[in-house]
Amino acid sequence: MDRQVGSGRHQNVSEVVREALRRTEASLVEENSCIAAIRAAIREGREDIARGATTLGETADDDAQLYAALTGRRSGTGREIAGSSRG
């Protein structure tokens, strides 16, 4: 904390603590948002399974195509796929 104040980034230790709390809160909000999205995807998947709306990937290529369709990325590359609206 002294380094932050000494660098001129913050006026005092109290400002350092407030910024740390803001960042922690923002991180928790983002984490909760991600958890909610994962839970929604699980719920949707379970509903699909209950309706019988499932597809079995039989090859690694099938799995890679499914991954790309769900994430908008190529498996293992992290690059966006042109024209994908998911991400």
Protein backbone atom coordinates (compact mmCIF):
# COMPACT_ATOMS: atom_id res chain seq x y z
CA MET A 1 0.00 0.00 0.00
CA ASP A 2 2.81 2.37 0.79
CA ARG A 3 4.20 1.76 -2.69
CA GLN A 4 0.87 2.75 -4.27
CA VAL A 5 0.74 5.96 -2.24
CA GLY A 6 4.44 6.63 -2.78
CA SER A 7 4.08 6.26 -6.54
CA GLY A 8 1.52 9.04 -6.59
CA ARG A 9 -1.21 6.77 -7.88
CA HIS A 10 -3.21 7.30 -4.68
CA GLN A 11 -3.30 10.13 -2.17
CA ASN A 12 -3.44 7.86 0.88
CA VAL A 13 -3.87 4.28 2.11
CA SER A 14 -7.62 4.73 2.34
CA GLU A 15 -7.81 5.32 -1.43
CA VAL A 16 -5.77 2.16 -2.04
CA VAL A 17 -8.20 0.14 0.08
CA ARG A 18 -11.26 1.65 -1.66
CA GLU A 19 -9.86 0.82 -5.09
CA ALA A 20 -9.06 -2.72 -3.99
CA LEU A 21 -12.62 -3.14 -2.71
CA ARG A 22 -14.09 -1.75 -5.98
CA ARG A 23 -11.98 -4.15 -8.01
CA THR A 24 -12.94 -7.08 -5.79
CA GLU A 25 -16.63 -6.21 -6.11
CA ALA A 26 -16.37 -5.90 -9.90
CA SER A 27 -14.62 -9.26 -10.04
CA LEU A 28 -17.35 -10.87 -7.94
CA VAL A 29 -20.07 -9.40 -10.15
CA GLU A 30 -18.35 -10.77 -13.25
CA GLU A 31 -17.86 -14.16 -11.61
CA ASN A 32 -21.53 -14.33 -10.61
CA SER A 33 -22.53 -13.43 -14.16
CA CYS A 34 -20.39 -16.26 -15.52
CA ILE A 35 -21.85 -18.71 -13.01
CA ALA A 36 -25.38 -17.66 -14.00
CA ALA A 37 -24.55 -18.19 -17.70
CA ILE A 38 -23.11 -21.64 -16.98
CA ARG A 39 -26.18 -22.60 -14.94
CA ALA A 40 -28.46 -21.41 -17.75
CA ALA A 41 -26.50 -23.48 -20.28
CA ILE A 42 -26.73 -26.54 -18.03
CA ARG A 43 -30.47 -26.01 -17.59
CA GLU A 44 -30.91 -25.63 -21.36
CA GLY A 45 -28.85 -28.76 -21.96
CA ARG A 46 -30.91 -30.77 -19.49
CA GLU A 47 -34.11 -29.57 -21.14
CA ASP A 48 -32.73 -30.59 -24.54
CA ILE A 49 -31.85 -34.03 -23.20
CA ALA A 50 -35.32 -34.42 -21.68
CA ARG A 51 -36.86 -33.58 -25.08
CA GLY A 52 -34.48 -35.94 -26.85
CA ALA A 53 -32.95 -33.05 -28.78
CA THR A 54 -29.36 -34.27 -28.60
CA THR A 55 -26.61 -35.12 -31.06
CA LEU A 56 -23.81 -37.57 -30.46
CA GLY A 57 -20.42 -36.50 -31.75
CA GLU A 58 -18.68 -39.59 -33.10
CA THR A 59 -15.35 -38.15 -34.22
CA ALA A 60 -12.88 -35.54 -33.05
CA ASP A 61 -13.95 -33.43 -36.03
CA ASP A 62 -17.57 -33.61 -34.85
CA ASP A 63 -16.45 -32.44 -31.42
CA ALA A 64 -14.39 -29.60 -32.91
CA GLN A 65 -17.33 -28.43 -35.02
CA LEU A 66 -19.65 -28.51 -32.00
CA TYR A 67 -17.12 -26.56 -29.94
CA ALA A 68 -16.83 -23.97 -32.70
CA ALA A 69 -20.60 -23.66 -33.00
CA LEU A 70 -21.04 -23.19 -29.26
CA THR A 71 -18.14 -20.84 -28.60
CA GLY A 72 -17.42 -19.13 -31.92
CA ARG A 73 -13.84 -20.34 -31.65
CA ARG A 74 -11.83 -23.05 -33.25
CA SER A 75 -10.87 -25.79 -30.86
CA GLY A 76 -7.45 -25.10 -29.39
CA THR A 77 -6.72 -21.94 -31.38
CA GLY A 78 -8.78 -19.35 -29.54
CA ARG A 79 -9.42 -17.55 -32.87
CA GLU A 80 -12.85 -16.25 -33.71
CA ILE A 81 -14.70 -17.92 -36.56
CA ALA A 82 -15.84 -15.47 -39.24
CA GLY A 83 -19.58 -14.86 -39.21
CA SER A 84 -20.12 -16.37 -35.80
CA SER A 85 -22.58 -14.57 -33.57
CA ARG A 86 -21.64 -16.52 -30.47
CA GLY A 87 -18.62 -15.98 -28.34
